[in-house]
Amino acid sequence: MLRLGNRLAWLIAPALLVVMISLNPPKPTYLMGDFRAFYCAGQVIAHHANPYLNQPLRSCEVVAGPPAEPLGMRSVTLPAPLPPYALLLFVPFAALPFPLAAGCFELFLIAAMTAAIVLYARVAAVPSLWLYLAFAGITASVTYYAGQPVPFVLLAFAGAALAVRHQRWNVAAACMLITTMEPHLALPAVAAMLIALPRTRLPVALGTVLLAALGVAAVGPYTAIIYVSQVIPAHALANAYEWQFSLTSLLTSFGIAAASAVHFGELMYGLMLIAGVVVAMRLRRATGDAAALVVIPPAFAVFGGVHVHSQQLVVALPAMLYVFARYPRVRTMAATGITFAMIPWNIMSSAAMAGCFPVLVGAFAGATLGRRRGLLLTAIAAGIALSLVAGALLGLGPADAHYAAQASAPDALAETSWGPFSQQVLSKSSVLMEWLRLPTIAGLALGLCAITSAAFAQPETDVARNRLNATVAVQS
C-alpha cells in the first residue's frame, strides 16, 4: 500500500495544476507565460538573430498562442535572460506550433521533476512521498503553470549528488554544468565541489569551455559578450522592484534605490555563498558523504541575494531533509522550516487554492513530525491563508495597476521594455504582500539554522556514522 501511495504521489502537483487551470479557464492568461519567452528566444536563435533584444523577440511573443497573453502584457517584451547555451534547449520546441510545444514542454517538466524527486529521496535518505508533498505547492503553481525549466536543474543537482557519492567524477561534472542554466543556484555548489573534490576540476573546466563554445555558436561572440556585460546587470535592475524573496526586492519595497539594492543583494549573495560552502564542507567531514557538497550550498543561495523567485526556493528543501534524516536534534526545526517555505503564499488567488495548501502542510508535517505537531502547523497554515482573505477584505492588498507602455527601441535590450512594467505592476507594494513574504523567509531561516546547527554539532561517533552509511546504502 505504501509503495502504491508513493507511485501515486507524483500526481499531487499535476492535480494542483489542473485545479489552477480550471480556476483560470482558457482566455488571456499567464499559463506557460515564461515558456512563451523561452520559446520565442529559441525561435529567434533559429533565425540567427539576437534573443536578448526587443525585436524580433516581441513580435514572436505577440503571436505565440493560444493561450493568449494577458491584455496588460501585450505591449511589453518578456525577456529570456538565460545564458545562450541554455536557450539552445528551446530551439527544437520553437519548431513546433506554440500550443503543441507548450504541451510537450509541460510533459518534460513533469517527467524531470518526478525523476528529480526519486533521486533526491536517495540522496537525502527519506521517503519520496515527503518530497512530493514538499515540492507540490510551488511546483504546480509556479513551475508547471508558468513553464519554468527549474525541474531540469533540480534533476541535475540530484544526479550530481549521487555521482559524487559514488565517485563518478565525470558524471558529476556533467550534471553540475547542466545546473548552470540557473547560474546563481549552481555557483555555490560548483565552488564547493571544485574546492573539496580535486578530481572534478578538469572535467568541469573542459565542460565550461564546451558550454561557452555552444553559447558562442548559438548567438555569436558579440551577443555572448553582450549577455555577460549588459544583459545580466540590466536584468538585475529591471527585476529589482518585482515582488520576490530577494534582499534586493525587500530593499526596493522600502524605498532603497534599485542600483544600491542590487549591490546589497550581490554582497549578501557572496556572503551566503561562502557560508553555504563552509557548512557543506563541515557536513561532508561529519557524515563522510560528498553529496552534501552539492545539496547544501544551493539552499544558502536562495536566502537573500538579488534574484529569488518562488520556483527557485524548492532547491532548499532537499537540504533541510538531508539534515532531518541524519541529525535527530534538528528535526523539528528543519521540518517546521519546510512547512513554511514549501507554500507559495502569494498566489492564493481563490478559496480552492487557499484550502489546498494547508492540507499539503498538514500531510507533510504529520508524516515528518507526527499527528499532534502536524495539526498545529496545519492550523497555522490555515491562519495564514485566512489572513490573506482578511487582508484583501480590509483593502490591505496591492492597488490595481494601470500600465501605459513606454516606447522602447527595437534594438534595445528586452529589459528596457520589461523594467518599467515590472516596477509599476509587479512590485505589489502593500501591507498584505509584505506580510506574505514573512512565512517563506522565516521558513528558509529556520531551515538554514537547522543545517548550520547540524554542521557545527559535535562529531558523530563511529557507531552513528556506520548506521548512517548503512541507511544511505540501502536508499541508494
Protein backbone atom coordinates (compact mmCIF):
# COMPACT_ATOMS: atom_id res chain seq x y z
CA MET A 1 0.00 0.00 0.00
CA LEU A 2 2.84 2.40 0.89
CA ARG A 3 4.58 1.65 -2.40
CA LEU A 4 1.35 2.34 -4.30
CA GLY A 5 0.97 5.63 -2.39
CA ASN A 6 4.48 6.69 -3.38
CA ARG A 7 3.77 5.89 -7.02
CA LEU A 8 0.54 7.88 -6.99
CA ALA A 9 2.08 10.81 -5.11
CA TRP A 10 3.60 12.21 -8.29
CA LEU A 11 0.04 13.13 -9.30
CA ILE A 12 -0.23 15.71 -6.49
CA ALA A 13 1.45 18.58 -8.34
CA PRO A 14 -0.18 17.82 -11.74
CA ALA A 15 -3.56 17.66 -10.00
CA LEU A 16 -2.96 21.06 -8.40
CA LEU A 17 -2.01 22.38 -11.84
CA VAL A 18 -5.32 21.15 -13.21
CA VAL A 19 -7.10 22.94 -10.36
CA MET A 20 -5.31 26.18 -11.20
CA ILE A 21 -6.12 25.89 -14.90
CA SER A 22 -9.77 25.15 -14.13
CA LEU A 23 -9.91 28.26 -11.94
CA ASN A 24 -8.46 30.27 -14.84
CA PRO A 25 -10.22 28.87 -17.93
CA PRO A 26 -8.75 29.42 -21.42
CA LYS A 27 -8.59 33.15 -22.04
CA PRO A 28 -5.81 35.74 -21.89
CA THR A 29 -3.77 34.16 -19.09
CA TYR A 30 -0.19 33.70 -17.89
CA LEU A 31 -0.40 29.93 -18.34
CA MET A 32 3.02 28.95 -19.83
CA GLY A 33 3.86 32.65 -19.88
CA ASP A 34 7.55 32.22 -19.03
CA PHE A 35 7.83 29.39 -21.54
CA ARG A 36 6.47 31.77 -24.20
CA ALA A 37 9.57 33.97 -23.77
CA PHE A 38 11.95 31.00 -23.89
CA TYR A 39 10.09 29.52 -26.88
CA CYS A 40 10.43 32.80 -28.76
CA ALA A 41 14.10 33.10 -27.81
CA GLY A 42 14.63 29.64 -29.32
CA GLN A 43 12.83 30.77 -32.47
CA VAL A 44 14.97 33.92 -32.65
CA ILE A 45 18.17 31.87 -32.32
CA ALA A 46 16.95 29.51 -35.04
CA HIS A 47 16.69 32.57 -37.31
CA HIS A 48 20.21 33.70 -36.35
CA ALA A 49 19.05 36.83 -34.53
CA ASN A 50 19.74 38.22 -31.05
CA PRO A 51 17.35 36.70 -28.43
CA TYR A 52 18.05 39.42 -25.86
CA LEU A 53 16.69 42.39 -27.83
CA ASN A 54 13.14 43.74 -28.03
CA GLN A 55 12.86 42.67 -31.64
CA PRO A 56 12.24 40.14 -33.01
CA LEU A 57 11.51 38.65 -29.55
CA ARG A 58 8.41 40.82 -29.02
CA SER A 59 6.94 40.06 -32.45
CA CYS A 60 7.06 36.35 -31.65
CA GLU A 61 5.55 36.76 -28.18
CA VAL A 62 2.59 38.68 -29.57
CA VAL A 63 1.52 35.90 -31.92
CA ALA A 64 2.62 32.85 -29.87
CA GLY A 65 -0.51 31.21 -28.52
CA PRO A 66 -3.07 30.09 -27.59
CA PRO A 67 -3.37 30.76 -24.75
CA ALA A 68 -3.11 34.48 -25.41
CA GLU A 69 -1.06 36.77 -23.19
CA PRO A 70 -2.82 38.84 -20.52
CA LEU A 71 -4.03 42.10 -22.02
CA GLY A 72 -1.74 44.21 -19.85
CA MET A 73 1.37 42.48 -21.17
CA ARG A 74 0.75 42.64 -24.90
CA SER A 75 2.81 45.79 -25.31
CA VAL A 76 5.66 44.51 -23.11
CA THR A 77 8.63 42.34 -24.09
CA LEU A 78 9.17 39.50 -21.63
CA PRO A 79 12.94 38.83 -21.51
CA ALA A 80 14.55 35.41 -21.80
CA PRO A 81 17.61 36.04 -19.60
CA LEU A 82 19.04 32.51 -19.56
CA PRO A 83 22.63 32.01 -20.79
CA PRO A 84 22.96 31.43 -24.55
CA TYR A 85 23.77 27.73 -24.18
CA ALA A 86 20.66 27.25 -22.01
CA LEU A 87 18.43 28.85 -24.64
CA LEU A 88 19.53 26.14 -27.09
CA LEU A 89 17.21 23.80 -25.16
CA PHE A 90 14.24 25.69 -26.59
CA VAL A 91 15.28 25.71 -30.26
CA PRO A 92 13.66 22.29 -31.00
CA PHE A 93 10.44 23.37 -29.26
CA ALA A 94 10.37 26.56 -31.36
CA ALA A 95 9.98 24.41 -34.48
CA LEU A 96 6.52 23.35 -33.23
CA PRO A 97 3.32 25.39 -33.02
CA PHE A 98 3.18 27.06 -29.63
CA PRO A 99 0.30 25.03 -28.10
CA LEU A 100 1.97 21.75 -29.07
CA ALA A 101 5.38 22.96 -27.89
CA ALA A 102 3.91 24.10 -24.57
CA GLY A 103 2.18 20.75 -24.04
CA CYS A 104 5.35 18.79 -24.82
CA PHE A 105 7.44 21.01 -22.57
CA GLU A 106 4.95 20.56 -19.74
CA LEU A 107 5.27 16.79 -20.02
CA PHE A 108 9.07 17.09 -19.92
CA LEU A 109 8.81 19.27 -16.81
CA ILE A 110 6.62 16.72 -15.03
CA ALA A 111 8.93 13.86 -16.00
CA ALA A 112 12.04 15.77 -14.90
CA MET A 113 10.52 16.75 -11.55
CA THR A 114 9.37 13.19 -10.91
CA ALA A 115 12.85 11.84 -11.66
CA ALA A 116 14.45 14.57 -9.52
CA ILE A 117 12.30 13.61 -6.54
CA VAL A 118 13.17 9.92 -6.91
CA LEU A 119 16.90 10.75 -6.94
CA TYR A 120 16.65 13.32 -4.14
CA ALA A 121 14.92 10.70 -1.97
CA ARG A 122 18.01 8.52 -2.35
CA VAL A 123 20.35 11.43 -1.67
CA ALA A 124 18.57 12.59 1.48
CA ALA A 125 17.57 9.06 2.61
CA VAL A 126 13.91 10.00 3.11
CA PRO A 127 10.67 8.67 1.58
CA SER A 128 9.95 10.17 -1.82
CA LEU A 129 6.40 10.96 -0.62
CA TRP A 130 7.82 13.66 1.66
CA LEU A 131 9.48 15.35 -1.30
CA TYR A 132 6.35 15.12 -3.43
CA LEU A 133 4.41 16.87 -0.67
CA ALA A 134 7.10 19.49 -0.05
CA PHE A 135 7.57 20.33 -3.73
CA ALA A 136 3.93 20.19 -4.86
CA GLY A 137 2.68 23.67 -3.95
CA ILE A 138 5.42 25.69 -5.61
CA THR A 139 5.91 23.23 -8.46
CA ALA A 140 2.27 23.27 -9.56
CA SER A 141 1.51 26.94 -9.03
CA VAL A 142 4.69 28.46 -10.45
CA THR A 143 6.97 25.99 -12.22
CA TYR A 144 4.36 23.99 -14.12
CA TYR A 145 1.92 26.86 -14.58
CA ALA A 146 4.43 29.39 -15.92
CA GLY A 147 6.67 26.85 -17.70
CA GLN A 148 9.92 27.37 -15.81
CA PRO A 149 12.84 24.97 -16.54
CA VAL A 150 13.78 24.57 -12.86
CA PRO A 151 12.95 20.80 -12.79
CA PHE A 152 15.85 20.13 -15.16
CA VAL A 153 18.16 21.97 -12.76
CA LEU A 154 16.84 20.01 -9.78
CA LEU A 155 17.30 16.73 -11.63
CA ALA A 156 20.89 17.70 -12.44
CA PHE A 157 21.59 18.61 -8.80
CA ALA A 158 20.23 15.29 -7.59
CA GLY A 159 22.21 13.39 -10.23
CA ALA A 160 25.41 15.24 -9.32
CA ALA A 161 24.92 14.48 -5.61
CA LEU A 162 24.59 10.75 -6.28
CA ALA A 163 27.53 10.83 -8.69
CA VAL A 164 29.95 12.41 -6.22
CA ARG A 165 28.76 9.99 -3.53
CA HIS A 166 29.81 7.13 -5.79
CA GLN A 167 32.94 8.93 -7.05
CA ARG A 168 31.76 9.21 -10.65
CA TRP A 169 33.55 12.47 -11.28
CA ASN A 170 32.79 12.94 -14.98
CA VAL A 171 29.07 12.30 -14.45
CA ALA A 172 29.06 14.70 -11.51
CA ALA A 173 30.76 17.41 -13.56
CA ALA A 174 28.32 16.97 -16.46
CA CYS A 175 25.34 17.23 -14.11
CA MET A 176 26.73 20.31 -12.41
CA LEU A 177 27.20 22.02 -15.75
CA ILE A 178 23.52 21.44 -16.52
CA THR A 179 22.61 23.23 -13.28
CA THR A 180 24.24 26.39 -14.65
CA MET A 181 21.01 27.00 -16.57
CA GLU A 182 20.29 28.85 -13.30
CA PRO A 183 23.78 30.27 -12.64
CA HIS A 184 23.12 31.78 -9.22
CA LEU A 185 21.80 28.44 -7.94
CA ALA A 186 24.68 26.48 -9.42
CA LEU A 187 27.64 28.64 -8.45
CA PRO A 188 27.80 27.77 -4.70
CA ALA A 189 27.60 24.03 -5.36
CA VAL A 190 30.16 24.22 -8.17
CA ALA A 191 32.51 26.16 -5.89
CA ALA A 192 32.15 23.62 -3.07
CA MET A 193 32.77 20.72 -5.43
CA LEU A 194 35.84 22.29 -7.02
CA ILE A 195 37.35 23.14 -3.63
CA ALA A 196 36.74 19.81 -1.94
CA LEU A 197 36.86 17.35 -4.86
CA PRO A 198 40.00 17.97 -6.94
CA ARG A 199 39.17 15.21 -9.42
CA THR A 200 36.15 17.17 -10.65
CA ARG A 201 38.21 20.23 -11.63
CA LEU A 202 39.40 19.09 -15.05
CA PRO A 203 36.03 17.79 -16.30
CA VAL A 204 34.30 20.94 -15.02
CA ALA A 205 36.90 23.13 -16.79
CA LEU A 206 36.51 21.21 -20.05
CA GLY A 207 32.74 21.27 -19.76
CA THR A 208 32.77 25.03 -19.15
CA VAL A 209 34.76 25.54 -22.33
CA LEU A 210 32.24 23.37 -24.21
CA LEU A 211 29.27 25.36 -22.87
CA ALA A 212 30.95 28.63 -23.78
CA ALA A 213 31.59 27.33 -27.29
CA LEU A 214 27.96 26.24 -27.63
CA GLY A 215 26.80 29.67 -26.49
CA VAL A 216 29.04 31.45 -28.99
CA ALA A 217 27.94 29.10 -31.75
CA ALA A 218 24.28 29.78 -30.90
CA VAL A 219 24.30 33.58 -30.78
CA GLY A 220 27.74 34.69 -31.98
CA PRO A 221 30.66 36.08 -29.97
CA TYR A 222 29.33 39.64 -29.85
CA THR A 223 25.95 38.63 -28.39
CA ALA A 224 27.65 36.27 -25.94
CA ILE A 225 29.75 39.16 -24.65
CA ILE A 226 26.68 41.39 -24.51
CA TYR A 227 24.91 38.79 -22.38
CA VAL A 228 27.64 38.83 -19.72
CA SER A 229 28.42 42.54 -19.81
CA GLN A 230 24.96 44.06 -20.33
CA VAL A 231 22.05 41.59 -20.09
CA ILE A 232 22.85 40.27 -16.61
CA PRO A 233 23.18 43.70 -14.93
CA ALA A 234 20.22 45.09 -16.91
CA HIS A 235 18.03 42.20 -15.80
CA ALA A 236 19.04 42.72 -12.18
CA LEU A 237 17.91 46.34 -12.37
CA ALA A 238 14.75 45.52 -14.33
CA ASN A 239 13.63 42.99 -11.71
CA ALA A 240 14.76 44.97 -8.67
CA TYR A 241 11.20 46.12 -7.90
CA GLU A 242 9.46 42.85 -8.70
CA TRP A 243 7.79 41.15 -5.73
CA GLN A 244 10.02 38.22 -4.82
CA PHE A 245 12.09 36.92 -1.90
CA SER A 246 15.47 38.52 -2.57
CA LEU A 247 17.13 41.14 -0.39
CA THR A 248 17.12 43.45 -3.42
CA SER A 249 13.34 43.22 -3.73
CA LEU A 250 12.86 43.78 0.00
CA LEU A 251 15.05 46.88 -0.05
CA THR A 252 13.35 48.48 -3.04
CA SER A 253 9.95 47.89 -1.42
CA PHE A 254 11.18 50.04 1.47
CA GLY A 255 12.33 52.84 -0.80
CA ILE A 256 16.01 51.98 -1.41
CA ALA A 257 17.21 52.91 -4.91
CA ALA A 258 17.41 49.96 -7.30
CA ALA A 259 21.15 50.26 -8.01
CA SER A 260 22.01 50.30 -4.29
CA ALA A 261 19.58 47.45 -3.58
CA VAL A 262 21.21 45.32 -6.27
CA HIS A 263 24.66 45.93 -4.77
CA PHE A 264 23.45 44.97 -1.29
CA GLY A 265 21.86 41.87 -2.78
CA GLU A 266 25.11 40.95 -4.51
CA LEU A 267 27.02 41.38 -1.25
CA MET A 268 24.59 39.17 0.64
CA TYR A 269 24.73 36.56 -2.11
CA GLY A 270 28.51 36.46 -1.82
CA LEU A 271 28.32 36.02 1.96
CA MET A 272 25.70 33.28 1.68
CA LEU A 273 27.78 31.53 -0.98
CA ILE A 274 30.73 31.41 1.40
CA ALA A 275 28.52 30.26 4.27
CA GLY A 276 26.99 27.52 2.15
CA VAL A 277 30.38 26.19 1.08
CA VAL A 278 31.74 26.20 4.66
CA VAL A 279 28.68 24.44 6.08
CA ALA A 280 28.66 21.87 3.26
CA MET A 281 32.32 21.03 3.81
CA ARG A 282 31.76 20.54 7.56
CA LEU A 283 28.81 18.25 6.89
CA ARG A 284 30.85 16.30 4.39
CA ARG A 285 33.54 15.74 7.04
CA ALA A 286 30.97 14.81 9.69
CA THR A 287 29.00 12.35 7.57
CA GLY A 288 31.64 11.15 5.14
CA ASP A 289 29.12 11.84 2.36
CA ALA A 290 30.34 14.02 -0.52
CA ALA A 291 26.73 14.55 -1.65
CA ALA A 292 26.47 17.28 1.00
CA LEU A 293 28.75 19.43 -1.18
CA VAL A 294 26.08 19.50 -3.88
CA VAL A 295 22.87 19.53 -1.83
CA ILE A 296 23.67 22.10 0.87
CA PRO A 297 25.14 25.22 -0.86
CA PRO A 298 22.13 25.98 -3.11
CA ALA A 299 19.94 26.27 0.00
CA PHE A 300 22.05 29.21 1.14
CA ALA A 301 21.97 30.76 -2.34
CA VAL A 302 18.21 31.37 -2.16
CA PHE A 303 18.31 33.30 1.11
CA GLY A 304 18.59 36.99 0.23
CA GLY A 305 20.63 37.85 -2.84
CA VAL A 306 19.44 39.60 -6.00
CA HIS A 307 17.00 37.14 -7.65
CA VAL A 308 14.96 34.67 -5.60
CA HIS A 309 11.71 33.65 -7.24
CA SER A 310 9.22 31.16 -5.84
CA GLN A 311 10.17 28.35 -8.20
CA GLN A 312 13.81 28.51 -7.08
CA LEU A 313 13.02 28.07 -3.39
CA VAL A 314 12.46 24.32 -3.74
CA VAL A 315 16.20 23.80 -4.11
CA ALA A 316 16.50 24.45 -0.35
CA LEU A 317 14.02 21.78 0.70
CA PRO A 318 16.17 18.68 -0.01
CA ALA A 319 18.99 20.26 2.02
CA MET A 320 16.68 20.59 5.02
CA LEU A 321 15.54 16.99 4.63
CA TYR A 322 19.17 15.90 4.33
CA VAL A 323 19.94 17.06 7.88
CA PHE A 324 16.48 15.97 9.11
CA ALA A 325 17.35 12.36 8.25
CA ARG A 326 20.80 12.48 9.88
CA TYR A 327 20.52 14.72 12.94
CA PRO A 328 17.54 13.96 15.20
CA ARG A 329 18.07 17.03 17.36
CA VAL A 330 17.35 19.43 14.45
CA ARG A 331 14.39 17.55 13.03
CA THR A 332 11.69 19.79 14.43
CA MET A 333 13.45 22.92 13.22
CA ALA A 334 14.16 21.52 9.75
CA ALA A 335 10.66 20.14 9.16
CA THR A 336 8.98 23.27 10.50
CA GLY A 337 11.14 25.36 8.19
CA ILE A 338 9.98 23.28 5.24
CA THR A 339 6.30 23.65 6.13
CA PHE A 340 6.60 27.44 5.95
CA ALA A 341 8.89 27.58 2.91
CA MET A 342 7.02 25.00 0.80
CA ILE A 343 3.87 27.07 0.23
CA PRO A 344 3.63 29.89 -2.36
CA TRP A 345 1.52 32.02 -0.05
CA ASN A 346 1.32 34.90 -2.51
CA ILE A 347 -0.64 33.04 -5.21
CA MET A 348 -3.66 32.02 -3.12
CA SER A 349 -6.00 33.72 -5.57
CA SER A 350 -9.01 31.59 -4.73
CA ALA A 351 -10.65 29.77 -1.86
CA ALA A 352 -9.84 26.44 -3.53
CA MET A 353 -6.09 27.10 -3.58
CA ALA A 354 -6.18 28.56 -0.07
CA GLY A 355 -7.77 25.31 1.07
CA CYS A 356 -5.33 23.02 -0.76
CA PHE A 357 -2.12 24.44 0.66
CA PRO A 358 -2.80 23.93 4.39
CA VAL A 359 -3.70 20.33 3.54
CA LEU A 360 -0.26 19.90 1.98
CA VAL A 361 1.33 21.39 5.10
CA GLY A 362 -0.65 19.07 7.34
CA ALA A 363 0.21 15.98 5.30
CA PHE A 364 3.93 16.81 5.28
CA ALA A 365 4.11 17.87 8.92
CA GLY A 366 2.10 14.86 10.03
CA ALA A 367 4.39 12.48 8.14
CA THR A 368 7.60 14.05 9.46
CA LEU A 369 6.72 15.36 12.93
CA GLY A 370 3.68 13.34 13.99
CA ARG A 371 -0.03 13.95 14.16
CA ARG A 372 -0.08 16.49 17.00
CA ARG A 373 2.53 18.81 15.52
CA GLY A 374 1.03 18.26 12.10
CA LEU A 375 -2.34 19.54 13.30
CA LEU A 376 -0.69 22.57 14.91
CA LEU A 377 1.19 23.51 11.74
CA THR A 378 -1.93 22.91 9.65
CA ALA A 379 -3.81 25.36 11.88
CA ILE A 380 -1.02 27.93 11.48
CA ALA A 381 -1.05 27.47 7.69
CA ALA A 382 -4.82 27.86 7.64
CA GLY A 383 -4.44 31.02 9.71
CA ILE A 384 -2.03 32.47 7.17
CA ALA A 385 -4.44 31.60 4.37
CA LEU A 386 -7.29 33.29 6.24
CA SER A 387 -5.10 36.34 6.83
CA LEU A 388 -4.87 36.72 3.06
CA VAL A 389 -8.66 36.78 2.78
CA ALA A 390 -8.96 39.18 5.71
CA GLY A 391 -6.26 41.48 4.33
CA ALA A 392 -7.96 41.60 0.95
CA LEU A 393 -11.33 42.42 2.54
CA LEU A 394 -9.70 45.18 4.60
CA GLY A 395 -8.15 46.71 1.49
CA LEU A 396 -4.57 45.91 2.53
CA GLY A 397 -3.73 44.23 -0.78
CA PRO A 398 -1.97 45.86 -3.75
CA ALA A 399 -3.86 48.50 -5.65
CA ASP A 400 -4.91 47.81 -9.22
CA ALA A 401 -2.09 48.82 -11.54
CA HIS A 402 -2.83 50.53 -14.84
CA TYR A 403 0.23 50.40 -17.01
CA ALA A 404 0.81 52.64 -20.00
CA ALA A 405 3.52 51.09 -22.15
CA GLN A 406 6.61 53.15 -22.79
CA ALA A 407 8.32 53.24 -26.15
CA SER A 408 11.43 51.10 -26.36
CA ALA A 409 13.77 50.86 -29.32
CA PRO A 410 13.61 47.57 -31.26
CA ASP A 411 17.38 47.09 -30.95
CA ALA A 412 17.42 47.83 -27.20
CA LEU A 413 17.63 45.06 -24.61
CA ALA A 414 14.29 43.48 -23.75
CA GLU A 415 14.80 44.70 -20.18
CA THR A 416 14.19 48.28 -21.34
CA SER A 417 10.61 47.24 -22.05
CA TRP A 418 10.22 44.85 -19.13
CA GLY A 419 11.76 47.03 -16.39
CA PRO A 420 9.12 49.81 -16.27
CA PHE A 421 6.32 47.22 -16.39
CA SER A 422 7.93 45.23 -13.57
CA GLN A 423 8.34 48.32 -11.41
CA GLN A 424 4.79 49.59 -11.87
CA VAL A 425 2.82 46.33 -11.99
CA LEU A 426 4.80 43.56 -10.29
CA SER A 427 6.14 45.39 -7.25
CA LYS A 428 2.80 44.78 -5.44
CA SER A 429 3.70 47.24 -2.71
CA SER A 430 1.17 46.73 0.10
CA VAL A 431 0.89 45.65 3.73
CA LEU A 432 -0.60 42.31 2.72
CA MET A 433 2.12 41.38 0.24
CA GLU A 434 4.89 42.34 2.68
CA TRP A 435 3.24 40.12 5.28
CA LEU A 436 3.09 37.20 2.85
CA ARG A 437 6.87 37.26 2.44
CA LEU A 438 7.40 36.60 6.14
CA PRO A 439 6.33 32.92 6.37
CA THR A 440 8.59 31.94 3.48
CA ILE A 441 11.58 33.91 4.72
CA ALA A 442 11.04 32.57 8.25
CA GLY A 443 10.86 29.02 6.91
CA LEU A 444 14.09 29.42 4.97
CA ALA A 445 15.79 30.93 8.03
CA LEU A 446 14.66 28.04 10.25
CA GLY A 447 15.88 25.52 7.70
CA LEU A 448 19.29 27.16 7.35
CA CYS A 449 19.61 27.34 11.14
CA ALA A 450 18.90 23.61 11.29
CA ILE A 451 21.51 22.88 8.62
CA THR A 452 24.13 25.10 10.27
CA SER A 453 23.41 23.70 13.72
CA ALA A 454 23.88 20.18 12.39
CA ALA A 455 27.14 21.12 10.68
CA PHE A 456 28.64 22.62 13.82
CA ALA A 457 27.39 19.91 16.17
CA GLN A 458 29.75 17.56 17.94
CA PRO A 459 31.15 14.92 15.55
CA GLU A 460 29.14 11.75 15.35
CA THR A 461 30.51 8.58 16.94
CA ASP A 462 31.79 5.85 14.69
CA VAL A 463 28.74 3.74 15.53
CA ALA A 464 26.35 6.50 14.49
CA ARG A 465 28.29 7.14 11.30
CA ASN A 466 28.25 3.46 10.36
CA ARG A 467 24.49 3.40 10.94
CA LEU A 468 24.12 6.44 8.67
CA ASN A 469 26.25 4.90 5.93
CA ALA A 470 24.19 1.74 6.08
CA THR A 471 20.98 3.74 5.74
CA VAL A 472 22.33 5.67 2.77
CA ALA A 473 23.50 2.44 1.11
CA VAL A 474 20.03 0.91 1.46
CA GLN A 475 18.39 4.02 -0.01
CA SER A 476 20.85 4.08 -2.93
